[in-house]
Amino acid sequence: MPRRKLTPFQPWETKNNDGIEKRYFRLGATIMASETMRTLSPNAFKVYCYMRLESAGKRSFTFPHTKYCSYMSKPTFYKARDELIEHGFIDIVQNNKNLRKANIYMFSDRWKTL
């Protein structure tokens, strides 16, 4: 299989000198302009972006404590996560709290109808 050519980011879009990012995500203009997205708190938007990055383009993903603890406190994360669920951006597929494992989340399109 031929290797894809990497398109570097512009200097103001990345910290890397060569402009090559190993991980990034797409965010469409319509979701950004939606009323539902604009009503999110800054922390909820931040968590959503980190979740998009962590998911690597997949709809279902895990978001372990080790990922979010460097961004914010546990109560702040849970408040932001619950806001994302309430606004229809994510759903909890599997709650693994009692198993001491990362929860499994899934991106949702419920935000379109809220």
C-alpha atoms as a PDB file:
ATOM      1  CA  MET A   1       0.000   0.000   0.000  1.00  0.00           C
ATOM      2  CA  PRO A   2       1.497   3.350  -0.980  1.00  0.00           C
ATOM      3  CA  ARG A   3       2.336   5.747   1.777  1.00  0.00           C
ATOM      4  CA  ARG A   4       0.255   8.907   1.922  1.00  0.00           C
ATOM      5  CA  LYS A   5       2.032  12.221   1.617  1.00  0.00           C
ATOM      6  CA  LEU A   6       1.769  14.210   4.845  1.00  0.00           C
ATOM      7  CA  THR A   7       0.639  17.781   4.472  1.00  0.00           C
ATOM      8  CA  PRO A   8       2.341  19.986   7.038  1.00  0.00           C
ATOM      9  CA  PHE A   9       0.427  22.435   9.167  1.00  0.00           C
ATOM     10  CA  GLN A  10       1.161  26.135   8.880  1.00  0.00           C
ATOM     11  CA  PRO A  11       3.678  27.533  11.402  1.00  0.00           C
ATOM     12  CA  TRP A  12       0.920  29.210  13.465  1.00  0.00           C
ATOM     13  CA  GLU A  13      -1.069  25.953  13.651  1.00  0.00           C
ATOM     14  CA  THR A  14       1.563  23.739  15.299  1.00  0.00           C
ATOM     15  CA  LYS A  15       4.459  23.758  17.709  1.00  0.00           C
ATOM     16  CA  ASN A  16       6.494  21.357  15.569  1.00  0.00           C
ATOM     17  CA  ASN A  17       9.167  22.952  13.390  1.00  0.00           C
ATOM     18  CA  ASP A  18       8.478  20.607  10.475  1.00  0.00           C
ATOM     19  CA  GLY A  19       4.698  21.190  10.661  1.00  0.00           C
ATOM     20  CA  ILE A  20       3.899  17.471  10.847  1.00  0.00           C
ATOM     21  CA  GLU A  21       1.397  16.400  13.517  1.00  0.00           C
ATOM     22  CA  LYS A  22       0.939  12.743  14.421  1.00  0.00           C
ATOM     23  CA  ARG A  23      -2.580  13.333  15.768  1.00  0.00           C
ATOM     24  CA  TYR A  24      -5.226  15.896  14.926  1.00  0.00           C
ATOM     25  CA  PHE A  25      -8.984  16.006  14.381  1.00  0.00           C
ATOM     26  CA  ARG A  26     -11.502  17.632  12.071  1.00  0.00           C
ATOM     27  CA  LEU A  27     -14.288  19.863  13.323  1.00  0.00           C
ATOM     28  CA  GLY A  28     -16.852  21.033  10.794  1.00  0.00           C
ATOM     29  CA  ALA A  29     -18.127  24.575  10.429  1.00  0.00           C
ATOM     30  CA  THR A  30     -21.770  23.551  10.938  1.00  0.00           C
ATOM     31  CA  ILE A  31     -21.144  21.919  14.311  1.00  0.00           C
ATOM     32  CA  MET A  32     -19.059  24.921  15.411  1.00  0.00           C
ATOM     33  CA  ALA A  33     -21.814  27.336  14.379  1.00  0.00           C
ATOM     34  CA  SER A  34     -24.621  25.292  15.924  1.00  0.00           C
ATOM     35  CA  GLU A  35     -26.532  26.823  18.810  1.00  0.00           C
ATOM     36  CA  THR A  36     -25.916  23.693  20.863  1.00  0.00           C
ATOM     37  CA  MET A  37     -22.132  23.952  20.512  1.00  0.00           C
ATOM     38  CA  ARG A  38     -22.149  27.684  21.258  1.00  0.00           C
ATOM     39  CA  THR A  39     -23.984  27.109  24.540  1.00  0.00           C
ATOM     40  CA  LEU A  40     -21.312  24.728  25.869  1.00  0.00           C
ATOM     41  CA  SER A  41     -19.119  25.948  28.697  1.00  0.00           C
ATOM     42  CA  PRO A  42     -15.427  26.448  27.880  1.00  0.00           C
ATOM     43  CA  ASN A  43     -14.510  23.352  29.909  1.00  0.00           C
ATOM     44  CA  ALA A  44     -17.070  21.196  28.094  1.00  0.00           C
ATOM     45  CA  PHE A  45     -15.770  22.391  24.722  1.00  0.00           C
ATOM     46  CA  LYS A  46     -12.212  21.652  25.855  1.00  0.00           C
ATOM     47  CA  VAL A  47     -13.164  18.124  26.948  1.00  0.00           C
ATOM     48  CA  TYR A  48     -14.992  17.565  23.654  1.00  0.00           C
ATOM     49  CA  CYS A  49     -11.878  18.557  21.707  1.00  0.00           C
ATOM     50  CA  TYR A  50      -9.651  16.288  23.781  1.00  0.00           C
ATOM     51  CA  MET A  51     -12.125  13.441  23.332  1.00  0.00           C
ATOM     52  CA  ARG A  52     -12.104  13.975  19.566  1.00  0.00           C
ATOM     53  CA  LEU A  53      -8.326  13.847  19.615  1.00  0.00           C
ATOM     54  CA  GLU A  54      -8.256  10.745  21.823  1.00  0.00           C
ATOM     55  CA  SER A  55     -10.814   8.911  19.675  1.00  0.00           C
ATOM     56  CA  ALA A  56      -8.517   9.014  16.619  1.00  0.00           C
ATOM     57  CA  GLY A  57     -11.518   9.398  14.309  1.00  0.00           C
ATOM     58  CA  LYS A  58     -13.520   6.503  15.743  1.00  0.00           C
ATOM     59  CA  ARG A  59     -17.054   6.892  17.036  1.00  0.00           C
ATOM     60  CA  SER A  60     -16.506   4.751  20.167  1.00  0.00           C
ATOM     61  CA  PHE A  61     -13.529   5.450  22.383  1.00  0.00           C
ATOM     62  CA  THR A  62     -12.172   5.359  25.916  1.00  0.00           C
ATOM     63  CA  PHE A  63     -11.082   8.428  27.822  1.00  0.00           C
ATOM     64  CA  PRO A  64      -9.093   7.250  30.849  1.00  0.00           C
ATOM     65  CA  HIS A  65      -8.383   9.257  33.978  1.00  0.00           C
ATOM     66  CA  THR A  66      -4.728   9.561  32.967  1.00  0.00           C
ATOM     67  CA  LYS A  67      -5.777  11.603  29.931  1.00  0.00           C
ATOM     68  CA  TYR A  68      -8.046  14.157  31.536  1.00  0.00           C
ATOM     69  CA  CYS A  69      -6.260  14.551  34.888  1.00  0.00           C
ATOM     70  CA  SER A  70      -3.527  16.611  33.217  1.00  0.00           C
ATOM     71  CA  TYR A  71      -6.143  19.001  31.755  1.00  0.00           C
ATOM     72  CA  MET A  72      -8.456  19.562  34.723  1.00  0.00           C
ATOM     73  CA  SER A  73      -9.623  18.265  38.068  1.00  0.00           C
ATOM     74  CA  LYS A  74     -11.881  15.215  38.345  1.00  0.00           C
ATOM     75  CA  PRO A  75     -14.992  17.209  39.434  1.00  0.00           C
ATOM     76  CA  THR A  76     -14.478  19.684  36.584  1.00  0.00           C
ATOM     77  CA  PHE A  77     -14.147  16.844  34.092  1.00  0.00           C
ATOM     78  CA  TYR A  78     -17.301  15.094  35.325  1.00  0.00           C
ATOM     79  CA  LYS A  79     -19.275  18.330  35.162  1.00  0.00           C
ATOM     80  CA  ALA A  80     -18.063  18.976  31.603  1.00  0.00           C
ATOM     81  CA  ARG A  81     -18.702  15.349  30.591  1.00  0.00           C
ATOM     82  CA  ASP A  82     -22.254  15.480  31.962  1.00  0.00           C
ATOM     83  CA  GLU A  83     -22.820  18.715  30.033  1.00  0.00           C
ATOM     84  CA  LEU A  84     -21.680  17.008  26.813  1.00  0.00           C
ATOM     85  CA  ILE A  85     -24.111  14.160  27.472  1.00  0.00           C
ATOM     86  CA  GLU A  86     -26.948  16.570  28.243  1.00  0.00           C
ATOM     87  CA  HIS A  87     -26.291  18.543  25.049  1.00  0.00           C
ATOM     88  CA  GLY A  88     -26.202  15.362  22.949  1.00  0.00           C
ATOM     89  CA  PHE A  89     -22.542  15.279  21.911  1.00  0.00           C
ATOM     90  CA  ILE A  90     -21.534  12.031  23.656  1.00  0.00           C
ATOM     91  CA  ASP A  91     -23.109   9.001  25.311  1.00  0.00           C
ATOM     92  CA  ILE A  92     -21.670   6.577  27.843  1.00  0.00           C
ATOM     93  CA  VAL A  93     -21.732   3.128  26.233  1.00  0.00           C
ATOM     94  CA  GLN A  94     -20.191   1.275  29.159  1.00  0.00           C
ATOM     95  CA  ASN A  95     -19.736   2.643  32.665  1.00  0.00           C
ATOM     96  CA  ASN A  96     -16.752   0.850  34.169  1.00  0.00           C
ATOM     97  CA  LYS A  97     -16.449   2.818  37.395  1.00  0.00           C
ATOM     98  CA  ASN A  98     -16.815  -0.254  39.616  1.00  0.00           C
ATOM     99  CA  LEU A  99     -14.280  -2.164  37.513  1.00  0.00           C
ATOM    100  CA  ARG A 100     -11.692   0.611  37.832  1.00  0.00           C
ATOM    101  CA  LYS A 101     -11.379   0.759  34.058  1.00  0.00           C
ATOM    102  CA  ALA A 102     -11.925   3.632  31.650  1.00  0.00           C
ATOM    103  CA  ASN A 103     -15.505   4.237  30.549  1.00  0.00           C
ATOM    104  CA  ILE A 104     -16.387   3.624  26.931  1.00  0.00           C
ATOM    105  CA  TYR A 105     -17.947   6.647  25.246  1.00  0.00           C
ATOM    106  CA  MET A 106     -19.526   7.179  21.847  1.00  0.00           C
ATOM    107  CA  PHE A 107     -20.026  10.369  19.888  1.00  0.00           C
ATOM    108  CA  SER A 108     -23.697  11.115  19.322  1.00  0.00           C
ATOM    109  CA  ASP A 109     -25.597  13.224  16.831  1.00  0.00           C
ATOM    110  CA  ARG A 110     -28.405  14.030  19.274  1.00  0.00           C
ATOM    111  CA  TRP A 111     -27.040  17.595  19.413  1.00  0.00           C
ATOM    112  CA  LYS A 112     -28.639  18.213  16.006  1.00  0.00           C
ATOM    113  CA  THR A 113     -32.171  17.908  17.393  1.00  0.00           C
ATOM    114  CA  LEU A 114     -31.734  19.649  20.744  1.00  0.00           C
END
